[in-house]
Amino acid sequence: MNALIFAVAVLFVLVLVLVGVVFALARQIGILFERISPVGALVNESGPKIGEATPNFTLASLNGGAIYIGPRGQRSTLVFFLSTTCPICKKMLPVLQSMRSSEGKWLDIVLASDGDLDKHMAFIKKAGLEDFPYALSPELGITYRVSRLPFAVLIDGEGIVRAKGLINSREQLESLFNAAEMGVSSIQTFLNAPAAAHS
């Protein structure tokens, strides 16, 4: 009988210790999440700066019609630079298709690249991109100083560059919209500012 009471007492103490360990780990995880800030798009400082007017372009779309980049009244434009051989670009295509549906009331998404026309036509067909305006323009990439892909530029209805950066995930793409809404050049700029500036 005494051995049973002793065993129950030991188990009770072990349960209390385990509960304490769980709470300590939960606290450490909370601290870790506070220290890790969300990662926004990696901003490229070259090319048209955030807050400046974009150069205007009228380009032919590989899917037919014309693409106009510049002031467009109430509609904003997201220019997404991609490549047919970029795996991250391909990973982002479903995100762009989803965003085109959810944000279509105010946003036009333009796909942009350069290179061999036939390869891009095959890429459009294989990836199901026939509904997107698709520009093949080396000049566009040179203007925005695109050196790494995928890269995106958000232009408001007045033709002003509101956000831009290297994009590797949906979160980074959405960070462009968040930065534009907050009136900052990037999410990192906002997070690195003094706490008083956020209040």
N, C-alpha and C. Protein backbone atom coordinates (compact mmCIF):
# COMPACT_ATOMS: atom_id res chain seq x y z
N MET A 1 0.83 -1.21 0.00
CA MET A 1 0.00 0.00 0.00
C MET A 1 0.87 1.26 0.00
N ASN A 2 1.91 1.24 0.84
CA ASN A 2 2.82 2.40 0.92
C ASN A 2 3.54 2.62 -0.41
N ALA A 3 3.89 1.51 -1.07
CA ALA A 3 4.57 1.63 -2.37
C ALA A 3 3.66 2.27 -3.41
N LEU A 4 2.36 1.94 -3.36
CA LEU A 4 1.39 2.52 -4.29
C LEU A 4 1.24 4.02 -4.06
N ILE A 5 1.15 4.41 -2.79
CA ILE A 5 1.03 5.84 -2.45
C ILE A 5 2.28 6.59 -2.92
N PHE A 6 3.45 5.96 -2.71
CA PHE A 6 4.70 6.59 -3.13
C PHE A 6 4.75 6.76 -4.65
N ALA A 7 4.32 5.72 -5.38
CA ALA A 7 4.32 5.79 -6.85
C ALA A 7 3.38 6.88 -7.36
N VAL A 8 2.19 6.99 -6.74
CA VAL A 8 1.24 8.03 -7.14
C VAL A 8 1.82 9.41 -6.86
N ALA A 9 2.48 9.57 -5.72
CA ALA A 9 3.08 10.85 -5.35
C ALA A 9 4.17 11.24 -6.35
N VAL A 10 5.00 10.25 -6.74
CA VAL A 10 6.06 10.52 -7.71
C VAL A 10 5.47 10.93 -9.06
N LEU A 11 4.43 10.22 -9.50
CA LEU A 11 3.77 10.57 -10.76
C LEU A 11 3.17 11.96 -10.71
N PHE A 12 2.59 12.32 -9.56
CA PHE A 12 1.98 13.65 -9.40
C PHE A 12 3.05 14.74 -9.54
N VAL A 13 4.21 14.49 -8.91
CA VAL A 13 5.31 15.46 -9.00
C VAL A 13 5.81 15.57 -10.44
N LEU A 14 5.92 14.42 -11.13
CA LEU A 14 6.37 14.44 -12.52
C LEU A 14 5.39 15.20 -13.42
N VAL A 15 4.10 15.03 -13.18
CA VAL A 15 3.09 15.77 -13.97
C VAL A 15 3.24 17.27 -13.74
N LEU A 16 3.44 17.66 -12.48
CA LEU A 16 3.63 19.09 -12.18
C LEU A 16 4.86 19.64 -12.89
N VAL A 17 5.95 18.85 -12.89
CA VAL A 17 7.18 19.28 -13.57
C VAL A 17 6.93 19.42 -15.08
N LEU A 18 6.23 18.45 -15.67
CA LEU A 18 5.93 18.52 -17.10
C LEU A 18 5.07 19.73 -17.44
N VAL A 19 4.08 20.04 -16.59
CA VAL A 19 3.24 21.23 -16.82
C VAL A 19 4.10 22.48 -16.78
N GLY A 20 5.03 22.54 -15.83
CA GLY A 20 5.92 23.70 -15.75
C GLY A 20 6.80 23.83 -16.99
N VAL A 21 7.31 22.69 -17.48
CA VAL A 21 8.15 22.71 -18.68
C VAL A 21 7.35 23.18 -19.89
N VAL A 22 6.10 22.71 -20.03
CA VAL A 22 5.24 23.13 -21.15
C VAL A 22 5.00 24.63 -21.12
N PHE A 23 4.70 25.16 -19.95
CA PHE A 23 4.48 26.61 -19.84
C PHE A 23 5.74 27.40 -20.17
N ALA A 24 6.89 26.89 -19.72
CA ALA A 24 8.16 27.57 -20.01
C ALA A 24 8.44 27.57 -21.52
N LEU A 25 8.19 26.42 -22.18
CA LEU A 25 8.40 26.34 -23.63
C LEU A 25 7.43 27.26 -24.38
N ALA A 26 6.17 27.29 -23.91
CA ALA A 26 5.20 28.17 -24.55
C ALA A 26 5.63 29.62 -24.44
N ARG A 27 6.17 30.00 -23.29
CA ARG A 27 6.64 31.37 -23.11
C ARG A 27 7.81 31.68 -24.04
N GLN A 28 8.74 30.73 -24.17
CA GLN A 28 9.90 30.93 -25.05
C GLN A 28 9.47 31.04 -26.51
N ILE A 29 8.49 30.24 -26.91
CA ILE A 29 7.98 30.33 -28.29
C ILE A 29 7.35 31.70 -28.53
N GLY A 30 6.60 32.20 -27.54
CA GLY A 30 6.00 33.53 -27.66
C GLY A 30 7.06 34.61 -27.81
N ILE A 31 8.13 34.51 -27.03
CA ILE A 31 9.22 35.49 -27.13
C ILE A 31 9.89 35.40 -28.49
N LEU A 32 10.07 34.17 -28.98
CA LEU A 32 10.69 33.97 -30.30
C LEU A 32 9.86 34.61 -31.40
N PHE A 33 8.53 34.44 -31.35
CA PHE A 33 7.66 35.04 -32.36
C PHE A 33 7.70 36.57 -32.29
N GLU A 34 7.86 37.11 -31.10
CA GLU A 34 7.96 38.57 -30.97
C GLU A 34 9.24 39.10 -31.60
N ARG A 35 10.31 38.31 -31.48
CA ARG A 35 11.61 38.76 -32.01
C ARG A 35 11.71 38.61 -33.52
N ILE A 36 10.97 37.63 -34.07
CA ILE A 36 11.03 37.40 -35.51
C ILE A 36 9.98 38.27 -36.18
N SER A 37 10.41 39.28 -36.89
CA SER A 37 9.47 40.17 -37.58
C SER A 37 9.15 39.60 -38.95
N PRO A 38 7.96 39.92 -39.46
CA PRO A 38 7.62 39.43 -40.80
C PRO A 38 8.58 39.97 -41.85
N VAL A 39 8.91 39.15 -42.82
CA VAL A 39 9.86 39.54 -43.86
C VAL A 39 9.08 40.02 -45.08
N GLY A 40 9.28 41.26 -45.43
CA GLY A 40 8.62 41.80 -46.60
C GLY A 40 9.48 41.63 -47.83
N ALA A 41 9.02 42.18 -48.93
CA ALA A 41 9.77 42.11 -50.17
C ALA A 41 11.11 42.83 -50.02
N LEU A 42 12.14 42.27 -50.64
CA LEU A 42 13.47 42.87 -50.60
C LEU A 42 13.52 44.00 -51.61
N VAL A 43 13.62 45.22 -51.11
CA VAL A 43 13.52 46.41 -51.97
C VAL A 43 14.80 46.63 -52.74
N ASN A 44 14.63 46.95 -54.02
CA ASN A 44 15.74 47.31 -54.89
C ASN A 44 15.75 48.83 -55.02
N GLU A 45 16.84 49.46 -54.59
CA GLU A 45 16.90 50.93 -54.56
C GLU A 45 17.14 51.55 -55.93
N SER A 46 17.56 50.76 -56.91
CA SER A 46 17.82 51.32 -58.23
C SER A 46 16.52 51.38 -59.03
N GLY A 47 16.57 52.09 -60.14
CA GLY A 47 15.36 52.27 -60.94
C GLY A 47 14.48 53.35 -60.33
N PRO A 48 13.25 53.52 -60.86
CA PRO A 48 12.35 54.53 -60.30
C PRO A 48 12.13 54.29 -58.81
N LYS A 49 12.31 55.32 -58.01
CA LYS A 49 12.20 55.18 -56.56
C LYS A 49 10.74 55.19 -56.13
N ILE A 50 10.51 54.65 -54.95
CA ILE A 50 9.16 54.66 -54.39
C ILE A 50 8.76 56.10 -54.13
N GLY A 51 7.58 56.46 -54.61
CA GLY A 51 7.10 57.84 -54.49
C GLY A 51 7.31 58.65 -55.76
N GLU A 52 8.07 58.11 -56.72
CA GLU A 52 8.30 58.78 -58.00
C GLU A 52 7.34 58.25 -59.06
N ALA A 53 7.13 59.06 -60.08
CA ALA A 53 6.27 58.63 -61.18
C ALA A 53 6.99 57.59 -62.02
N THR A 54 6.26 56.59 -62.45
CA THR A 54 6.84 55.58 -63.33
C THR A 54 6.94 56.12 -64.74
N PRO A 55 7.97 55.74 -65.49
CA PRO A 55 7.94 56.03 -66.93
C PRO A 55 6.73 55.34 -67.55
N ASN A 56 6.12 55.97 -68.52
CA ASN A 56 4.94 55.41 -69.17
C ASN A 56 5.34 54.47 -70.30
N PHE A 57 4.61 53.37 -70.39
CA PHE A 57 4.86 52.39 -71.45
C PHE A 57 3.54 51.98 -72.09
N THR A 58 3.55 51.79 -73.39
CA THR A 58 2.46 51.12 -74.10
C THR A 58 3.09 49.95 -74.84
N LEU A 59 2.70 48.75 -74.43
CA LEU A 59 3.35 47.54 -74.93
C LEU A 59 2.31 46.59 -75.50
N ALA A 60 2.73 45.79 -76.44
CA ALA A 60 1.84 44.76 -76.98
C ALA A 60 1.85 43.56 -76.04
N SER A 61 0.67 43.01 -75.79
CA SER A 61 0.56 41.81 -74.96
C SER A 61 0.67 40.56 -75.84
N LEU A 62 1.38 39.57 -75.36
CA LEU A 62 1.47 38.31 -76.10
C LEU A 62 0.12 37.62 -76.18
N ASN A 63 -0.80 38.00 -75.31
CA ASN A 63 -2.15 37.42 -75.31
C ASN A 63 -3.16 38.29 -76.06
N GLY A 64 -2.64 39.29 -76.78
CA GLY A 64 -3.52 40.16 -77.56
C GLY A 64 -3.82 41.46 -76.85
N GLY A 65 -3.97 42.52 -77.61
CA GLY A 65 -4.28 43.82 -77.04
C GLY A 65 -3.03 44.57 -76.62
N ALA A 66 -3.25 45.72 -75.98
CA ALA A 66 -2.15 46.58 -75.56
C ALA A 66 -2.10 46.65 -74.03
N ILE A 67 -0.91 46.87 -73.53
CA ILE A 67 -0.69 47.04 -72.09
C ILE A 67 -0.21 48.46 -71.87
N TYR A 68 -0.90 49.20 -71.00
CA TYR A 68 -0.46 50.56 -70.67
C TYR A 68 0.00 50.59 -69.22
N ILE A 69 1.22 51.05 -69.01
CA ILE A 69 1.77 51.21 -67.67
C ILE A 69 1.99 52.70 -67.45
N GLY A 70 1.29 53.23 -66.45
CA GLY A 70 1.31 54.66 -66.16
C GLY A 70 0.04 55.03 -65.42
N PRO A 71 -0.33 56.32 -65.42
CA PRO A 71 -1.57 56.74 -64.73
C PRO A 71 -2.79 56.05 -65.34
N ARG A 72 -3.65 55.48 -64.46
CA ARG A 72 -4.81 54.75 -64.96
C ARG A 72 -6.06 55.06 -64.15
N GLY A 73 -6.10 56.25 -63.59
CA GLY A 73 -7.31 56.64 -62.85
C GLY A 73 -7.43 55.90 -61.53
N GLN A 74 -8.51 55.13 -61.39
CA GLN A 74 -8.79 54.44 -60.13
C GLN A 74 -8.09 53.08 -60.02
N ARG A 75 -7.46 52.63 -61.07
CA ARG A 75 -6.88 51.29 -61.06
C ARG A 75 -5.36 51.31 -60.87
N SER A 76 -4.91 50.43 -59.97
CA SER A 76 -3.47 50.26 -59.76
C SER A 76 -2.97 49.13 -60.63
N THR A 77 -1.65 49.08 -60.81
CA THR A 77 -1.03 48.05 -61.65
C THR A 77 0.09 47.37 -60.88
N LEU A 78 0.07 46.06 -60.90
CA LEU A 78 1.19 45.29 -60.35
C LEU A 78 1.92 44.66 -61.53
N VAL A 79 3.17 45.09 -61.74
CA VAL A 79 4.00 44.51 -62.81
C VAL A 79 4.86 43.43 -62.17
N PHE A 80 4.65 42.19 -62.61
CA PHE A 80 5.36 41.05 -62.04
C PHE A 80 6.34 40.51 -63.07
N PHE A 81 7.64 40.66 -62.77
CA PHE A 81 8.69 40.20 -63.68
C PHE A 81 9.02 38.73 -63.37
N LEU A 82 9.04 37.92 -64.42
CA LEU A 82 9.26 36.49 -64.25
C LEU A 82 10.10 35.94 -65.40
N SER A 83 10.43 34.66 -65.26
CA SER A 83 11.18 33.97 -66.30
C SER A 83 10.59 32.59 -66.50
N THR A 84 10.72 32.06 -67.70
CA THR A 84 10.19 30.72 -67.98
C THR A 84 10.99 29.63 -67.28
N THR A 85 12.21 29.95 -66.83
CA THR A 85 13.07 28.95 -66.20
C THR A 85 13.22 29.16 -64.69
N CYS A 86 12.47 30.09 -64.13
CA CYS A 86 12.58 30.42 -62.70
C CYS A 86 11.58 29.59 -61.88
N PRO A 87 12.05 28.67 -61.03
CA PRO A 87 11.12 27.82 -60.27
C PRO A 87 10.26 28.61 -59.28
N ILE A 88 10.82 29.65 -58.67
CA ILE A 88 10.03 30.45 -57.72
C ILE A 88 8.95 31.22 -58.47
N CYS A 89 9.27 31.70 -59.67
CA CYS A 89 8.27 32.38 -60.50
C CYS A 89 7.08 31.46 -60.75
N LYS A 90 7.38 30.21 -61.09
CA LYS A 90 6.31 29.24 -61.36
C LYS A 90 5.50 28.97 -60.11
N LYS A 91 6.17 28.94 -58.96
CA LYS A 91 5.48 28.72 -57.69
C LYS A 91 4.52 29.87 -57.37
N MET A 92 4.85 31.07 -57.83
CA MET A 92 4.04 32.25 -57.54
C MET A 92 2.83 32.40 -58.47
N LEU A 93 2.79 31.65 -59.57
CA LEU A 93 1.70 31.81 -60.54
C LEU A 93 0.31 31.54 -59.95
N PRO A 94 0.12 30.47 -59.16
CA PRO A 94 -1.20 30.29 -58.55
C PRO A 94 -1.57 31.44 -57.60
N VAL A 95 -0.58 32.01 -56.93
CA VAL A 95 -0.82 33.16 -56.04
C VAL A 95 -1.32 34.35 -56.86
N LEU A 96 -0.68 34.60 -57.99
CA LEU A 96 -1.08 35.70 -58.86
C LEU A 96 -2.48 35.47 -59.42
N GLN A 97 -2.79 34.24 -59.78
CA GLN A 97 -4.12 33.94 -60.30
C GLN A 97 -5.19 34.15 -59.23
N SER A 98 -4.88 33.74 -58.01
CA SER A 98 -5.80 33.96 -56.89
C SER A 98 -5.96 35.44 -56.60
N MET A 99 -4.86 36.16 -56.62
CA MET A 99 -4.89 37.60 -56.33
C MET A 99 -5.63 38.36 -57.43
N ARG A 100 -5.49 37.90 -58.66
CA ARG A 100 -6.20 38.53 -59.77
C ARG A 100 -7.71 38.46 -59.56
N SER A 101 -8.17 37.36 -58.99
CA SER A 101 -9.61 37.21 -58.72
C SER A 101 -10.03 38.03 -57.51
N SER A 102 -9.24 37.97 -56.43
CA SER A 102 -9.65 38.63 -55.19
C SER A 102 -9.45 40.15 -55.22
N GLU A 103 -8.45 40.63 -55.95
CA GLU A 103 -8.14 42.07 -55.97
C GLU A 103 -8.48 42.73 -57.31
N GLY A 104 -9.21 42.03 -58.16
CA GLY A 104 -9.47 42.52 -59.51
C GLY A 104 -10.27 43.79 -59.61
N LYS A 105 -10.97 44.18 -58.53
CA LYS A 105 -11.79 45.40 -58.57
C LYS A 105 -10.93 46.66 -58.66
N TRP A 106 -9.70 46.57 -58.17
CA TRP A 106 -8.86 47.78 -58.15
C TRP A 106 -7.47 47.56 -58.75
N LEU A 107 -7.11 46.29 -59.01
CA LEU A 107 -5.74 45.98 -59.40
C LEU A 107 -5.68 45.20 -60.71
N ASP A 108 -4.78 45.62 -61.59
CA ASP A 108 -4.45 44.87 -62.80
C ASP A 108 -3.06 44.27 -62.62
N ILE A 109 -2.93 43.00 -62.94
CA ILE A 109 -1.63 42.33 -62.83
C ILE A 109 -1.08 42.12 -64.24
N VAL A 110 0.11 42.64 -64.45
CA VAL A 110 0.80 42.51 -65.74
C VAL A 110 2.02 41.63 -65.55
N LEU A 111 2.15 40.60 -66.34
CA LEU A 111 3.34 39.76 -66.33
C LEU A 111 4.33 40.32 -67.33
N ALA A 112 5.60 40.33 -66.96
CA ALA A 112 6.62 40.94 -67.83
C ALA A 112 7.88 40.09 -67.84
N SER A 113 8.52 40.03 -69.00
CA SER A 113 9.76 39.26 -69.13
C SER A 113 10.46 39.69 -70.41
N ASP A 114 11.51 38.97 -70.77
CA ASP A 114 12.16 39.15 -72.06
C ASP A 114 12.69 37.80 -72.50
N GLY A 115 13.26 37.75 -73.69
CA GLY A 115 13.78 36.48 -74.18
C GLY A 115 13.06 35.99 -75.42
N ASP A 116 13.12 34.69 -75.62
CA ASP A 116 12.61 34.06 -76.84
C ASP A 116 11.08 34.03 -76.87
N LEU A 117 10.50 34.56 -77.93
CA LEU A 117 9.04 34.64 -78.05
C LEU A 117 8.39 33.26 -78.00
N ASP A 118 8.92 32.31 -78.74
CA ASP A 118 8.32 30.97 -78.80
C ASP A 118 8.30 30.30 -77.43
N LYS A 119 9.36 30.46 -76.68
CA LYS A 119 9.42 29.87 -75.33
C LYS A 119 8.34 30.48 -74.43
N HIS A 120 8.16 31.78 -74.57
CA HIS A 120 7.14 32.43 -73.73
C HIS A 120 5.73 32.02 -74.16
N MET A 121 5.51 31.88 -75.43
CA MET A 121 4.18 31.45 -75.90
C MET A 121 3.87 30.04 -75.38
N ALA A 122 4.87 29.16 -75.40
CA ALA A 122 4.69 27.80 -74.87
C ALA A 122 4.47 27.84 -73.36
N PHE A 123 5.18 28.73 -72.67
CA PHE A 123 5.05 28.88 -71.23
C PHE A 123 3.65 29.36 -70.87
N ILE A 124 3.14 30.34 -71.61
CA ILE A 124 1.80 30.86 -71.37
C ILE A 124 0.76 29.75 -71.49
N LYS A 125 0.89 28.95 -72.52
CA LYS A 125 -0.07 27.87 -72.75
C LYS A 125 0.02 26.80 -71.66
N LYS A 126 1.25 26.41 -71.32
CA LYS A 126 1.44 25.35 -70.33
C LYS A 126 0.97 25.78 -68.94
N ALA A 127 1.21 27.05 -68.57
CA ALA A 127 0.87 27.54 -67.23
C ALA A 127 -0.55 28.11 -67.16
N GLY A 128 -1.25 28.18 -68.29
CA GLY A 128 -2.61 28.71 -68.28
C GLY A 128 -2.67 30.19 -67.99
N LEU A 129 -1.83 30.96 -68.65
CA LEU A 129 -1.73 32.41 -68.39
C LEU A 129 -2.38 33.24 -69.49
N GLU A 130 -3.26 32.65 -70.24
CA GLU A 130 -3.85 33.36 -71.39
C GLU A 130 -4.66 34.58 -70.98
N ASP A 131 -5.14 34.64 -69.75
CA ASP A 131 -5.97 35.76 -69.31
C ASP A 131 -5.16 36.95 -68.79
N PHE A 132 -3.86 36.76 -68.63
CA PHE A 132 -3.02 37.83 -68.12
C PHE A 132 -2.46 38.68 -69.25
N PRO A 133 -2.39 40.01 -69.07
CA PRO A 133 -1.56 40.81 -69.98
C PRO A 133 -0.11 40.36 -69.80
N TYR A 134 0.57 40.08 -70.89
CA TYR A 134 1.92 39.49 -70.81
C TYR A 134 2.82 40.26 -71.76
N ALA A 135 3.75 41.03 -71.19
CA ALA A 135 4.64 41.87 -71.99
C ALA A 135 6.01 41.25 -72.13
N LEU A 136 6.52 41.26 -73.33
CA LEU A 136 7.89 40.81 -73.60
C LEU A 136 8.69 42.06 -73.97
N SER A 137 9.39 42.63 -72.96
CA SER A 137 10.02 43.92 -73.16
C SER A 137 11.31 44.04 -72.35
N PRO A 138 12.46 43.92 -73.00
CA PRO A 138 13.73 44.15 -72.28
C PRO A 138 13.79 45.56 -71.69
N GLU A 139 13.22 46.53 -72.39
CA GLU A 139 13.26 47.93 -71.94
C GLU A 139 12.58 48.10 -70.58
N LEU A 140 11.49 47.35 -70.37
CA LEU A 140 10.76 47.45 -69.10
C LEU A 140 11.63 46.98 -67.94
N GLY A 141 12.28 45.85 -68.12
CA GLY A 141 13.16 45.34 -67.07
C GLY A 141 14.36 46.25 -66.82
N ILE A 142 14.89 46.83 -67.88
CA ILE A 142 16.01 47.75 -67.73
C ILE A 142 15.58 49.01 -66.98
N THR A 143 14.40 49.51 -67.28
CA THR A 143 13.89 50.72 -66.63
C THR A 143 13.78 50.54 -65.12
N TYR A 144 13.27 49.38 -64.70
CA TYR A 144 13.08 49.12 -63.27
C TYR A 144 14.31 48.46 -62.64
N ARG A 145 15.39 48.30 -63.42
CA ARG A 145 16.65 47.73 -62.93
C ARG A 145 16.40 46.36 -62.27
N VAL A 146 15.70 45.51 -62.97
CA VAL A 146 15.41 44.18 -62.45
C VAL A 146 16.63 43.29 -62.68
N SER A 147 17.24 42.86 -61.58
CA SER A 147 18.44 42.02 -61.68
C SER A 147 18.20 40.60 -61.19
N ARG A 148 17.18 40.42 -60.34
CA ARG A 148 16.84 39.09 -59.82
C ARG A 148 15.33 38.89 -59.91
N LEU A 149 14.95 37.62 -60.05
CA LEU A 149 13.53 37.29 -60.23
C LEU A 149 13.08 36.31 -59.16
N PRO A 150 11.75 36.32 -58.88
CA PRO A 150 10.72 37.23 -59.39
C PRO A 150 10.76 38.59 -58.70
N PHE A 151 10.38 39.61 -59.43
CA PHE A 151 10.41 40.99 -58.95
C PHE A 151 9.08 41.64 -59.28
N ALA A 152 8.56 42.47 -58.38
CA ALA A 152 7.26 43.10 -58.61
C ALA A 152 7.31 44.59 -58.31
N VAL A 153 6.53 45.35 -59.06
CA VAL A 153 6.42 46.79 -58.87
C VAL A 153 4.93 47.14 -58.78
N LEU A 154 4.54 47.84 -57.72
CA LEU A 154 3.15 48.26 -57.53
C LEU A 154 3.05 49.75 -57.88
N ILE A 155 2.20 50.05 -58.85
CA ILE A 155 2.02 51.43 -59.34
C ILE A 155 0.57 51.84 -59.09
N ASP A 156 0.36 53.00 -58.47
CA ASP A 156 -1.01 53.42 -58.18
C ASP A 156 -1.68 54.04 -59.40
N GLY A 157 -2.94 54.46 -59.24
CA GLY A 157 -3.71 54.98 -60.36
C GLY A 157 -3.18 56.27 -60.93
N GLU A 158 -2.34 56.98 -60.16
CA GLU A 158 -1.74 58.22 -60.65
C GLU A 158 -0.39 57.98 -61.32
N GLY A 159 0.01 56.72 -61.41
CA GLY A 159 1.28 56.39 -62.05
C GLY A 159 2.48 56.52 -61.13
N ILE A 160 2.24 56.52 -59.82
CA ILE A 160 3.32 56.64 -58.84
C ILE A 160 3.73 55.25 -58.35
N VAL A 161 5.03 55.00 -58.31
CA VAL A 161 5.53 53.73 -57.77
C VAL A 161 5.31 53.74 -56.27
N ARG A 162 4.50 52.82 -55.77
CA ARG A 162 4.15 52.77 -54.35
C ARG A 162 4.94 51.73 -53.58
N ALA A 163 5.36 50.67 -54.24
CA ALA A 163 6.14 49.62 -53.58
C ALA A 163 6.79 48.75 -54.66
N LYS A 164 7.89 48.12 -54.29
CA LYS A 164 8.56 47.22 -55.24
C LYS A 164 9.51 46.33 -54.47
N GLY A 165 9.89 45.21 -55.07
CA GLY A 165 10.86 44.36 -54.41
C GLY A 165 10.91 42.95 -54.96
N LEU A 166 11.90 42.22 -54.49
CA LEU A 166 12.08 40.83 -54.84
C LEU A 166 11.04 40.00 -54.08
N ILE A 167 10.35 39.12 -54.78
CA ILE A 167 9.23 38.38 -54.22
C ILE A 167 9.52 36.89 -54.24
N ASN A 168 9.40 36.24 -53.07
CA ASN A 168 9.59 34.79 -53.00
C ASN A 168 8.38 34.05 -52.43
N SER A 169 7.38 34.79 -51.95
CA SER A 169 6.23 34.15 -51.32
C SER A 169 5.01 35.07 -51.40
N ARG A 170 3.85 34.50 -51.08
CA ARG A 170 2.62 35.29 -51.05
C ARG A 170 2.73 36.41 -50.02
N GLU A 171 3.35 36.10 -48.88
CA GLU A 171 3.50 37.11 -47.82
C GLU A 171 4.31 38.30 -48.31
N GLN A 172 5.37 38.03 -49.04
CA GLN A 172 6.19 39.13 -49.55
C GLN A 172 5.43 39.94 -50.60
N LEU A 173 4.62 39.26 -51.41
CA LEU A 173 3.81 39.98 -52.39
C LEU A 173 2.79 40.86 -51.68
N GLU A 174 2.13 40.32 -50.67
CA GLU A 174 1.14 41.11 -49.93
C GLU A 174 1.80 42.25 -49.16
N SER A 175 3.09 42.09 -48.81
CA SER A 175 3.78 43.16 -48.09
C SER A 175 3.89 44.42 -48.95
N LEU A 176 3.88 44.27 -50.28
CA LEU A 176 3.88 45.45 -51.15
C LEU A 176 2.60 46.24 -50.95
N PHE A 177 1.47 45.55 -50.87
CA PHE A 177 0.19 46.23 -50.65
C PHE A 177 0.16 46.87 -49.27
N ASN A 178 0.67 46.15 -48.27
CA ASN A 178 0.69 46.70 -46.91
C ASN A 178 1.55 47.95 -46.83
N ALA A 179 2.72 47.91 -47.46
CA ALA A 179 3.61 49.07 -47.46
C ALA A 179 2.94 50.26 -48.14
N ALA A 180 2.27 50.00 -49.26
CA ALA A 180 1.59 51.09 -49.98
C ALA A 180 0.46 51.68 -49.13
N GLU A 181 -0.29 50.84 -48.43
CA GLU A 181 -1.38 51.32 -47.58
C GLU A 181 -0.87 52.16 -46.42
N MET A 182 0.30 51.77 -45.88
CA MET A 182 0.86 52.49 -44.73
C MET A 182 1.68 53.70 -45.15
N GLY A 183 1.92 53.84 -46.45
CA GLY A 183 2.68 54.99 -46.93
C GLY A 183 4.16 54.91 -46.60
N VAL A 184 4.70 53.68 -46.52
CA VAL A 184 6.13 53.50 -46.27
C VAL A 184 6.75 52.79 -47.47
N SER A 185 8.07 52.88 -47.55
CA SER A 185 8.74 52.29 -48.71
C SER A 185 8.76 50.78 -48.65
N SER A 186 8.77 50.22 -47.44
CA SER A 186 8.76 48.77 -47.28
C SER A 186 8.34 48.43 -45.86
N ILE A 187 7.95 47.17 -45.65
CA ILE A 187 7.60 46.71 -44.31
C ILE A 187 8.81 46.80 -43.39
N GLN A 188 10.02 46.51 -43.90
CA GLN A 188 11.21 46.60 -43.07
C GLN A 188 11.43 48.02 -42.57
N THR A 189 11.18 49.01 -43.43
CA THR A 189 11.33 50.40 -43.02
C THR A 189 10.40 50.71 -41.86
N PHE A 190 9.17 50.22 -41.95
CA PHE A 190 8.19 50.45 -40.88
C PHE A 190 8.61 49.77 -39.59
N LEU A 191 9.06 48.51 -39.69
CA LEU A 191 9.43 47.75 -38.49
C LEU A 191 10.70 48.27 -37.84
N ASN A 192 11.62 48.81 -38.65
CA ASN A 192 12.88 49.30 -38.11
C ASN A 192 12.80 50.73 -37.58
N ALA A 193 11.66 51.39 -37.86
CA ALA A 193 11.50 52.75 -37.34
C ALA A 193 11.35 52.71 -35.84
N PRO A 194 11.68 53.82 -35.12
CA PRO A 194 11.48 53.86 -33.67
C PRO A 194 10.03 53.58 -33.31
N ALA A 195 9.84 52.95 -32.17
CA ALA A 195 8.48 52.55 -31.75
C ALA A 195 7.54 53.76 -31.69
N ALA A 196 8.07 54.92 -31.34
CA ALA A 196 7.22 56.12 -31.22
C ALA A 196 6.62 56.51 -32.55
N ALA A 197 7.34 56.21 -33.62
CA ALA A 197 6.85 56.58 -34.95
C ALA A 197 5.65 55.74 -35.36
N HIS A 198 5.48 54.55 -34.76
CA HIS A 198 4.36 53.68 -35.10
C HIS A 198 3.09 54.08 -34.41
N SER A 199 3.23 54.85 -33.32
CA SER A 199 2.04 55.19 -32.52
C SER A 199 1.37 56.44 -33.05
